[in-house]
Amino acid sequence: MPPKDPCQKQACEIQKCLQANNYVESKCRSVIQELRKCCAQYTKGRSVVCSGFEKEEEENLTLNGNK
């Protein structure tokens, strides 16, 4: 059995928040920020739920490097 994802709880909280707020992301900013904080604590690849943020950061670095 693979180890539990360290940021799974925060990811679930985002889903609950989005469902409760008709998927209006702006109403869940604080919950999303909590997931970002969790993801920042772990090395790249450690958390599957953080992979989207990691990809976003890579894309931003690529875009900013090409300016």
C-alpha atoms as a PDB file:
ATOM      1  CA  MET A   1       0.000   0.000   0.000  1.00  0.00           C
ATOM      2  CA  PRO A   2       1.514   3.376  -0.994  1.00  0.00           C
ATOM      3  CA  PRO A   3       2.100   5.965   1.755  1.00  0.00           C
ATOM      4  CA  LYS A   4      -0.727   8.406   2.413  1.00  0.00           C
ATOM      5  CA  ASP A   5      -0.462  11.666   0.509  1.00  0.00           C
ATOM      6  CA  PRO A   6       0.541  14.348   3.042  1.00  0.00           C
ATOM      7  CA  CYS A   7      -1.753  16.978   1.466  1.00  0.00           C
ATOM      8  CA  GLN A   8      -4.784  14.759   0.799  1.00  0.00           C
ATOM      9  CA  LYS A   9      -6.784  16.342   3.626  1.00  0.00           C
ATOM     10  CA  GLN A  10      -6.395  19.838   2.130  1.00  0.00           C
ATOM     11  CA  ALA A  11      -7.326  18.565  -1.332  1.00  0.00           C
ATOM     12  CA  CYS A  12     -10.517  17.049   0.070  1.00  0.00           C
ATOM     13  CA  GLU A  13     -11.328  20.331   1.818  1.00  0.00           C
ATOM     14  CA  ILE A  14     -11.047  22.135  -1.521  1.00  0.00           C
ATOM     15  CA  GLN A  15     -13.483  19.707  -3.109  1.00  0.00           C
ATOM     16  CA  LYS A  16     -15.953  20.157  -0.252  1.00  0.00           C
ATOM     17  CA  CYS A  17     -15.665  23.932  -0.469  1.00  0.00           C
ATOM     18  CA  LEU A  18     -16.116  24.011  -4.243  1.00  0.00           C
ATOM     19  CA  GLN A  19     -19.154  21.742  -4.072  1.00  0.00           C
ATOM     20  CA  ALA A  20     -20.709  23.843  -1.314  1.00  0.00           C
ATOM     21  CA  ASN A  21     -20.121  27.038  -3.316  1.00  0.00           C
ATOM     22  CA  ASN A  22     -21.246  25.881  -6.778  1.00  0.00           C
ATOM     23  CA  TYR A  23     -17.623  25.662  -7.931  1.00  0.00           C
ATOM     24  CA  VAL A  24     -16.969  29.379  -7.499  1.00  0.00           C
ATOM     25  CA  GLU A  25     -13.215  29.250  -6.943  1.00  0.00           C
ATOM     26  CA  SER A  26     -12.995  32.752  -5.460  1.00  0.00           C
ATOM     27  CA  LYS A  27     -15.086  31.597  -2.486  1.00  0.00           C
ATOM     28  CA  CYS A  28     -12.494  28.913  -1.672  1.00  0.00           C
ATOM     29  CA  ARG A  29      -9.289  30.942  -1.888  1.00  0.00           C
ATOM     30  CA  SER A  30      -8.356  30.406   1.760  1.00  0.00           C
ATOM     31  CA  VAL A  31      -8.771  26.627   1.430  1.00  0.00           C
ATOM     32  CA  ILE A  32      -6.709  26.610  -1.775  1.00  0.00           C
ATOM     33  CA  GLN A  33      -4.018  28.642  -0.012  1.00  0.00           C
ATOM     34  CA  GLU A  34      -3.868  25.994   2.730  1.00  0.00           C
ATOM     35  CA  LEU A  35      -3.153  23.349   0.093  1.00  0.00           C
ATOM     36  CA  ARG A  36      -0.434  25.544  -1.420  1.00  0.00           C
ATOM     37  CA  LYS A  37       1.153  25.895   2.039  1.00  0.00           C
ATOM     38  CA  CYS A  38       1.064  22.133   2.502  1.00  0.00           C
ATOM     39  CA  CYS A  39       2.582  21.548  -0.924  1.00  0.00           C
ATOM     40  CA  ALA A  40       5.400  23.998  -0.178  1.00  0.00           C
ATOM     41  CA  GLN A  41       6.445  21.834   2.784  1.00  0.00           C
ATOM     42  CA  TYR A  42       7.202  18.751   0.692  1.00  0.00           C
ATOM     43  CA  THR A  43       9.731  17.984  -2.003  1.00  0.00           C
ATOM     44  CA  LYS A  44       8.562  17.851  -5.588  1.00  0.00           C
ATOM     45  CA  GLY A  45       6.869  14.559  -6.392  1.00  0.00           C
ATOM     46  CA  ARG A  46       6.135  13.691  -2.751  1.00  0.00           C
ATOM     47  CA  SER A  47       2.445  14.615  -2.981  1.00  0.00           C
ATOM     48  CA  VAL A  48       0.278  13.532  -5.907  1.00  0.00           C
ATOM     49  CA  VAL A  49      -2.351  16.180  -5.112  1.00  0.00           C
ATOM     50  CA  CYS A  50       0.344  18.873  -5.398  1.00  0.00           C
ATOM     51  CA  SER A  51       1.351  17.860  -8.916  1.00  0.00           C
ATOM     52  CA  GLY A  52      -1.007  20.437 -10.457  1.00  0.00           C
ATOM     53  CA  PHE A  53       0.628  23.264  -8.513  1.00  0.00           C
ATOM     54  CA  GLU A  54       4.084  21.949  -9.423  1.00  0.00           C
ATOM     55  CA  LYS A  55       3.146  21.910 -13.111  1.00  0.00           C
ATOM     56  CA  GLU A  56       1.722  25.442 -12.806  1.00  0.00           C
ATOM     57  CA  GLU A  57       4.987  26.678 -11.253  1.00  0.00           C
ATOM     58  CA  GLU A  58       7.065  25.065 -14.019  1.00  0.00           C
ATOM     59  CA  GLU A  59       4.894  26.719 -16.674  1.00  0.00           C
ATOM     60  CA  ASN A  60       5.212  30.121 -14.969  1.00  0.00           C
ATOM     61  CA  LEU A  61       8.997  29.756 -14.796  1.00  0.00           C
ATOM     62  CA  THR A  62       9.132  28.845 -18.475  1.00  0.00           C
ATOM     63  CA  LEU A  63       6.921  31.781 -19.469  1.00  0.00           C
ATOM     64  CA  ASN A  64       8.824  34.274 -17.312  1.00  0.00           C
ATOM     65  CA  GLY A  65      12.180  32.986 -18.557  1.00  0.00           C
ATOM     66  CA  ASN A  66      11.208  33.592 -22.170  1.00  0.00           C
ATOM     67  CA  LYS A  67      10.385  37.288 -21.707  1.00  0.00           C
END
